Protein backbone atom coordinates (compact mmCIF):
# COMPACT_ATOMS: atom_id res chain seq x y z
CA MET A 1 0.00 0.00 0.00
CA LYS A 2 1.01 3.66 -0.40
CA ALA A 3 1.78 5.63 2.73
CA ALA A 4 3.33 8.88 3.84
CA LEU A 5 6.45 8.42 5.95
CA ILE A 6 8.24 10.80 8.27
CA GLU A 7 11.67 9.22 7.79
CA SER A 8 13.77 11.42 10.05
CA VAL A 9 13.77 14.94 11.45
CA GLY A 10 12.71 17.27 8.66
CA LYS A 11 12.29 14.56 6.05
CA VAL A 12 8.93 13.28 4.79
CA SER A 13 8.26 11.16 1.72
CA LEU A 14 5.85 8.75 0.05
CA THR A 15 6.62 5.06 0.24
CA THR A 16 5.17 1.60 -0.31
CA VAL A 17 4.74 -0.74 2.65
CA PRO A 18 3.02 -4.12 3.11
CA ASP A 19 -0.72 -4.09 3.64
CA PRO A 20 -1.50 -4.26 7.37
CA THR A 21 -2.78 -7.38 9.10
CA PRO A 22 -5.22 -7.08 12.02
CA GLY A 23 -4.63 -8.67 15.40
CA PRO A 24 -7.44 -10.62 17.09
CA ARG A 25 -9.19 -7.46 18.38
CA ASP A 26 -8.15 -5.12 15.56
CA VAL A 27 -9.76 -3.89 12.37
CA VAL A 28 -8.24 -2.74 9.10
CA VAL A 29 -9.66 0.56 7.91
CA GLU A 30 -9.50 1.70 4.30
CA VAL A 31 -8.79 5.36 4.94
CA ALA A 32 -11.21 7.83 3.32
CA ALA A 33 -9.57 10.97 4.70
CA CYS A 34 -6.78 11.85 7.11
CA GLY A 35 -6.37 15.30 8.62
CA LEU A 36 -3.09 17.11 9.15
CA CYS A 37 -2.41 18.51 12.60
CA GLY A 38 0.20 20.52 14.48
CA THR A 39 1.25 17.26 16.12
CA ASP A 40 2.43 16.07 12.70
CA LEU A 41 4.68 19.12 12.47
CA HIS A 42 6.09 18.38 15.92
CA ILE A 43 6.85 14.81 14.84
CA LEU A 44 8.62 16.19 11.78
CA GLN A 45 10.66 18.38 14.14
CA GLY A 46 11.70 15.32 16.16
CA GLU A 47 9.20 15.77 19.00
CA PHE A 48 6.41 13.54 20.35
CA ALA A 49 6.99 10.36 18.34
CA PRO A 50 9.11 7.90 20.37
CA THR A 51 10.94 6.71 17.26
CA LEU A 52 11.25 7.52 13.58
CA PRO A 53 10.41 6.57 10.90
CA ILE A 54 6.64 6.62 11.41
CA ILE A 55 3.57 6.72 9.19
CA PRO A 56 1.77 9.80 10.59
CA GLY A 57 -1.93 10.55 10.73
CA HIS A 58 -4.04 10.42 13.89
CA GLU A 59 -7.17 12.13 12.51
CA PHE A 60 -8.85 9.68 10.17
CA ALA A 61 -11.98 7.82 9.21
CA GLY A 62 -12.79 5.16 6.67
CA GLU A 63 -14.42 1.84 5.88
CA VAL A 64 -13.72 -1.43 7.67
CA VAL A 65 -12.21 -3.87 5.16
CA GLY A 66 -10.72 -6.43 7.53
CA ILE A 67 -11.42 -7.70 11.03
CA GLY A 68 -9.56 -9.81 13.58
CA LYS A 69 -10.89 -13.20 14.62
CA ASP A 70 -12.34 -11.90 17.91
CA VAL A 71 -14.06 -8.80 16.53
CA THR A 72 -17.86 -8.78 16.75
CA GLU A 73 -18.65 -5.09 17.29
CA VAL A 74 -18.18 -4.01 13.66
CA ALA A 75 -18.43 -5.73 10.32
CA ILE A 76 -16.72 -5.38 6.99
CA GLY A 77 -18.33 -2.46 5.19
CA ASP A 78 -19.04 -0.41 8.32
CA ARG A 79 -17.87 3.19 8.19
CA VAL A 80 -15.96 4.31 11.27
CA ALA A 81 -14.06 7.20 12.78
CA VAL A 82 -11.01 6.20 14.82
CA ASP A 83 -9.91 7.44 18.24
CA PRO A 84 -6.11 7.25 17.96
CA SER A 85 -5.43 7.06 21.71
CA LEU A 86 -3.58 3.98 22.97
CA TYR A 87 -3.40 3.36 26.73
CA CYS A 88 -1.94 0.58 28.86
CA TYR A 89 -4.93 0.54 31.29
CA GLU A 90 -2.53 -0.70 33.99
CA CYS A 91 -0.53 2.28 35.26
CA ARG A 92 -1.51 4.60 38.11
CA TYR A 93 -2.91 7.25 35.76
CA CYS A 94 -5.03 4.84 33.74
CA ARG A 95 -6.43 3.37 36.95
CA ASN A 96 -7.34 6.74 38.44
CA GLY A 97 -9.20 7.96 35.37
CA HIS A 98 -6.44 9.98 33.67
CA ALA A 99 -5.54 7.61 30.85
CA ASN A 100 -4.33 10.50 28.68
CA MET A 101 -1.48 10.76 31.21
CA CYS A 102 -0.70 7.05 30.74
CA GLU A 103 2.90 6.18 31.59
CA ARG A 104 3.02 4.18 28.36
CA TRP A 105 0.84 6.53 26.34
CA GLY A 106 0.81 6.04 22.61
CA ALA A 107 -1.32 6.93 19.63
CA ILE A 108 -2.01 5.71 16.15
CA GLY A 109 0.05 7.93 13.88
CA VAL A 110 2.45 8.85 16.69
CA SER A 111 3.81 5.65 18.22
CA VAL A 112 2.38 3.15 15.70
CA PRO A 113 1.59 3.53 11.97
CA GLY A 114 -1.24 5.96 11.29
CA GLY A 115 -3.86 7.01 8.81
CA ALA A 116 -1.75 8.87 6.24
CA ALA A 117 -1.91 5.72 4.16
CA GLU A 118 -4.33 3.68 2.09
CA TYR A 119 -5.03 1.39 5.06
CA ALA A 120 -4.58 1.60 8.82
CA VAL A 121 -5.00 -0.81 11.73
CA ALA A 122 -6.93 0.20 14.85
CA PRO A 123 -8.25 -1.61 17.93
CA VAL A 124 -11.96 -2.23 17.51
CA ALA A 125 -12.52 -0.47 20.85
CA ASN A 126 -11.25 2.74 19.22
CA CYS A 127 -13.74 2.66 16.35
CA VAL A 128 -16.98 4.63 16.37
CA LYS A 129 -19.58 3.80 13.74
CA LEU A 130 -20.76 6.72 11.65
CA PRO A 131 -24.45 7.40 11.05
CA GLU A 132 -25.61 7.30 7.44
CA HIS A 133 -25.86 11.07 7.02
CA VAL A 134 -22.22 11.73 8.06
CA SER A 135 -19.68 11.79 5.24
CA THR A 136 -16.69 9.54 5.87
CA GLN A 137 -14.36 12.09 4.27
CA ASP A 138 -15.63 14.77 6.67
CA ALA A 139 -15.40 12.54 9.75
CA ALA A 140 -11.65 13.15 10.06
CA LEU A 141 -12.79 16.28 11.94
CA ILE A 142 -14.11 14.21 14.83
CA GLU A 143 -10.68 13.63 16.41
CA PRO A 144 -9.71 17.32 16.70
CA LEU A 145 -13.25 18.07 17.90
CA SER A 146 -12.78 15.46 20.64
CA CYS A 147 -9.66 17.33 21.77
CA ALA A 148 -11.69 20.55 21.94
CA VAL A 149 -14.40 18.80 23.96
CA ARG A 150 -11.69 17.63 26.37
CA GLY A 151 -10.48 21.22 26.64
CA TYR A 152 -13.91 22.34 27.79
CA ASP A 153 -14.03 19.47 30.25
CA VAL A 154 -11.06 20.84 32.20
CA MET A 155 -12.11 24.50 32.33
CA ASN A 156 -14.10 26.14 35.09
CA SER A 157 -16.61 27.36 32.53
CA VAL A 158 -19.67 29.14 33.84
CA LEU A 159 -22.78 30.49 32.16
CA GLY A 160 -22.40 34.04 30.95
CA ALA A 161 -18.59 34.00 30.80
CA ARG A 162 -16.73 36.21 28.34
CA VAL A 163 -14.26 34.12 26.33
CA LEU A 164 -11.08 35.21 24.52
CA ILE A 165 -9.49 32.79 22.06
CA TYR A 166 -6.00 33.23 20.62
CA GLY A 167 -5.84 31.67 17.17
CA SER A 168 -8.54 31.07 14.57
CA GLY A 169 -7.10 28.01 12.92
CA THR A 170 -8.99 24.74 13.08
CA MET A 171 -8.69 24.29 16.83
CA GLY A 172 -9.43 27.89 17.72
CA LEU A 173 -12.54 27.79 15.54
CA MET A 174 -13.66 24.55 17.18
CA MET A 175 -13.26 26.15 20.59
CA LEU A 176 -15.31 29.06 19.27
CA GLU A 177 -18.13 26.76 18.21
CA LEU A 178 -18.12 25.02 21.59
CA ALA A 179 -18.03 28.35 23.47
CA LYS A 180 -21.10 29.52 21.56
CA ARG A 181 -22.94 26.41 22.75
CA THR A 182 -21.81 26.33 26.37
CA GLY A 183 -23.34 29.53 27.59
CA ALA A 184 -20.67 32.14 26.82
CA SER A 185 -22.06 35.67 26.81
CA GLY A 186 -19.47 36.66 24.23
CA VAL A 187 -16.56 35.15 22.33
CA ASP A 188 -13.68 37.27 21.03
CA VAL A 189 -10.91 35.98 18.77
CA VAL A 190 -7.38 37.26 18.18
CA ASP A 191 -5.25 36.22 15.21
CA ILE A 192 -2.62 37.85 13.00
CA ASN A 193 -3.88 35.96 9.92
CA PRO A 194 -6.60 38.08 8.24
CA GLU A 195 -8.07 35.15 6.27
CA ARG A 196 -8.53 33.12 9.43
CA LEU A 197 -10.06 36.08 11.24
CA ALA A 198 -12.51 36.40 8.36
CA THR A 199 -13.55 32.78 8.89
CA ALA A 200 -14.08 33.46 12.60
CA ARG A 201 -16.34 36.36 11.70
CA THR A 202 -18.26 34.11 9.32
CA LEU A 203 -18.90 31.66 12.15
CA GLY A 204 -20.04 34.44 14.46
CA VAL A 205 -17.85 36.16 17.04
CA SER A 206 -18.46 39.11 19.30
CA ALA A 207 -15.26 40.70 18.02
CA ALA A 208 -12.19 39.70 16.02
CA ALA A 209 -8.88 41.56 16.01
CA VAL A 210 -5.16 41.18 15.41
CA SER A 211 -4.46 42.26 19.00
CA ALA A 212 -6.41 42.05 22.25
CA ASP A 213 -5.57 45.72 22.77
CA GLU A 214 -8.16 46.52 20.10
CA LEU A 215 -10.93 44.83 22.07
CA ASP A 216 -11.09 47.38 24.91
CA ARG A 217 -11.77 45.05 27.81
CA PRO A 218 -9.48 46.29 30.61
CA GLN A 219 -11.07 44.01 33.21
CA GLY A 220 -10.08 40.97 31.17
CA TRP A 221 -11.94 37.82 30.19
CA GLU A 222 -13.26 35.10 32.49
CA ILE A 223 -11.88 32.44 30.13
CA VAL A 224 -8.79 32.87 27.97
CA ILE A 225 -7.81 30.06 25.61
CA ASP A 226 -4.54 29.78 23.75
CA ALA A 227 -5.03 27.72 20.60
CA THR A 228 -1.73 28.72 18.98
CA GLY A 229 1.14 27.32 21.03
CA ASN A 230 2.93 30.59 20.21
CA ALA A 231 5.02 32.08 23.02
CA ALA A 232 3.96 35.68 22.39
CA ALA A 233 0.27 34.77 22.28
CA ILE A 234 0.56 32.70 25.45
CA GLN A 235 2.33 35.49 27.31
CA ASP A 236 -0.20 38.07 26.21
CA GLY A 237 -3.11 35.79 27.08
CA LEU A 238 -1.86 35.19 30.61
CA GLY A 239 -2.15 38.92 31.21
CA ARG A 240 -5.74 39.08 29.93
CA VAL A 241 -7.39 36.76 32.45
CA ALA A 242 -9.98 38.44 34.66
CA LYS A 243 -10.05 37.98 38.42
CA ALA A 244 -11.18 34.46 39.32
CA GLY A 245 -10.79 33.54 35.64
CA THR A 246 -9.19 30.60 33.86
CA PHE A 247 -6.39 30.37 31.31
CA LEU A 248 -6.39 27.21 29.21
CA GLN A 249 -3.21 26.15 27.43
CA PHE A 250 -4.80 24.30 24.55
CA GLY A 251 -2.38 24.97 21.68
CA VAL A 252 0.63 22.66 21.43
CA ALA A 253 3.84 24.61 22.00
CA ASP A 254 7.35 23.52 21.13
CA TYR A 255 9.25 21.88 23.97
CA ALA A 256 11.46 24.96 24.39
CA THR A 257 8.62 27.50 24.63
CA THR A 258 8.43 29.35 27.93
CA ALA A 259 6.23 32.01 29.50
CA THR A 260 6.46 34.13 32.64
CA ILE A 261 3.77 34.06 35.32
CA GLU A 262 3.15 36.39 38.27
CA PRO A 263 2.66 34.13 41.31
CA TYR A 264 1.27 36.88 43.54
CA LYS A 265 -1.33 37.83 40.92
CA ILE A 266 -2.36 34.20 40.51
CA TYR A 267 -2.76 33.90 44.28
CA ASN A 268 -4.37 37.26 44.90
CA GLN A 269 -6.82 37.11 41.99
CA GLU A 270 -7.50 33.37 42.23
CA ILE A 271 -6.55 32.75 38.61
CA THR A 272 -6.56 29.18 37.35
CA ILE A 273 -3.97 28.08 34.78
CA THR A 274 -4.65 24.67 33.29
CA GLY A 275 -3.88 22.52 30.28
CA SER A 276 -5.65 19.98 28.13
CA MET A 277 -3.82 17.03 26.59
CA ALA A 278 -5.36 15.14 23.67
CA VAL A 279 -8.48 13.02 24.16
CA LEU A 280 -10.05 11.67 27.33
CA HIS A 281 -13.60 10.26 27.50
CA SER A 282 -14.51 12.74 24.77
CA TYR A 283 -14.30 10.96 21.42
CA GLU A 284 -17.79 9.45 21.43
CA ARG A 285 -19.28 12.75 22.59
CA ALA A 286 -17.46 14.55 19.79
CA ALA A 287 -18.81 12.03 17.28
CA ASP A 288 -22.33 12.66 18.59
CA LEU A 289 -21.86 16.43 18.39
CA PHE A 290 -20.44 16.15 14.88
CA ALA A 291 -23.49 14.15 13.81
CA THR A 292 -25.72 17.04 14.95
CA GLY A 293 -23.95 19.40 12.56
CA ILE A 294 -22.04 21.42 15.16
CA LEU A 295 -19.28 21.94 12.59
CA ASP A 296 -19.68 22.83 8.93
CA PRO A 297 -17.07 20.74 7.08
CA GLN A 298 -17.21 23.13 4.13
CA VAL A 299 -15.96 25.89 6.43
CA PHE A 300 -13.47 23.87 8.45
CA ILE A 301 -11.87 21.84 5.66
CA SER A 302 -10.16 24.26 3.30
CA ASP A 303 -8.01 21.81 1.32
CA ARG A 304 -8.49 18.21 0.20
CA LEU A 305 -5.38 16.78 -1.42
CA PRO A 306 -4.44 13.31 -2.65
CA LEU A 307 -2.12 11.23 -0.47
CA ASP A 308 0.59 11.59 -3.10
CA GLN A 309 0.80 15.28 -2.16
CA TYR A 310 1.31 14.67 1.57
CA PRO A 311 4.76 16.33 1.71
CA HIS A 312 3.36 19.39 -0.09
CA ALA A 313 0.28 19.40 2.16
CA LEU A 314 2.46 19.33 5.28
CA ASP A 315 4.61 22.15 3.93
CA GLN A 316 1.56 24.29 3.19
CA PHE A 317 0.13 23.55 6.62
CA ALA A 318 3.41 24.60 8.26
CA LYS A 319 3.16 27.94 6.44
CA GLY A 320 -0.31 28.56 7.87
CA VAL A 321 -2.09 28.21 4.54
CA GLY A 322 -5.79 27.42 4.83
CA ARG A 323 -7.56 25.85 7.78
CA LYS A 324 -7.90 22.07 8.05
CA THR A 325 -6.11 20.14 5.32
CA VAL A 326 -7.05 16.52 4.71
CA VAL A 327 -5.41 13.99 2.43
CA THR A 328 -7.50 11.40 0.63
CA PRO A 329 -5.77 8.15 -0.31
């Protein structure tokens, strides 16, 4: 089969590998679409993936074309979206309900071959059947949506909160859509990319600007979300949190990124600083939300490219071109 391959730091190519074989509780999925994500860029930079080379792709959906001998939950021909998370279910964190902190955490497309290929293997427990009205090629959006749902799980969100989001790429826009549906009294977005800001306005924001200074809210925002991973945005956002408010580090920063906090201010103003890592008990909920039409795939997916163009797609994504890019084997 054809597959994309991150061979080494900074090097990605197309290759041919043997067709996958399912284990007893695995399925083989013929990939319909695989989304590109910032995590893929980090892997290309030598971060996250335990070893290289690796077939990337942790946002994918497709049709079941093979099943292991002990699989009864799905059948050949079923269309599924795949939760990429792989846990040991034995360590302290798995046992206390924080499997995304698993001491042996892995993910399809990160620690084992992923969906940037014609076929991918996944545990049947990670597969969610798609309802008839959901397009398989659009369902690659379910995985990033599940990360956004997890982000809202960890925040001290209250009805009537004012929300400020840094970044109007795919993840920032997903956080915007969730904020609109979780009782926010207003959602403001900051981004330096005018095309992405225009998309945020299309989806409906209270205000959109290239700098929070333009938004004239000296008392700050009850919830501030960084969806960029950018050091300057993070630092600015930390200073915009209202008293008793929450700052969520949602964007994935490089390992070396740092920010300065003011401990007295955090204490005195009871500010919460928290993070959200990947997926936890949120994939099925995201699939249900997606089925209701919470996201418009025509807005969120800006580019659909053939698998053969994966290196080009990754390069364009790294340059900030478009919104969500998916490859279609």
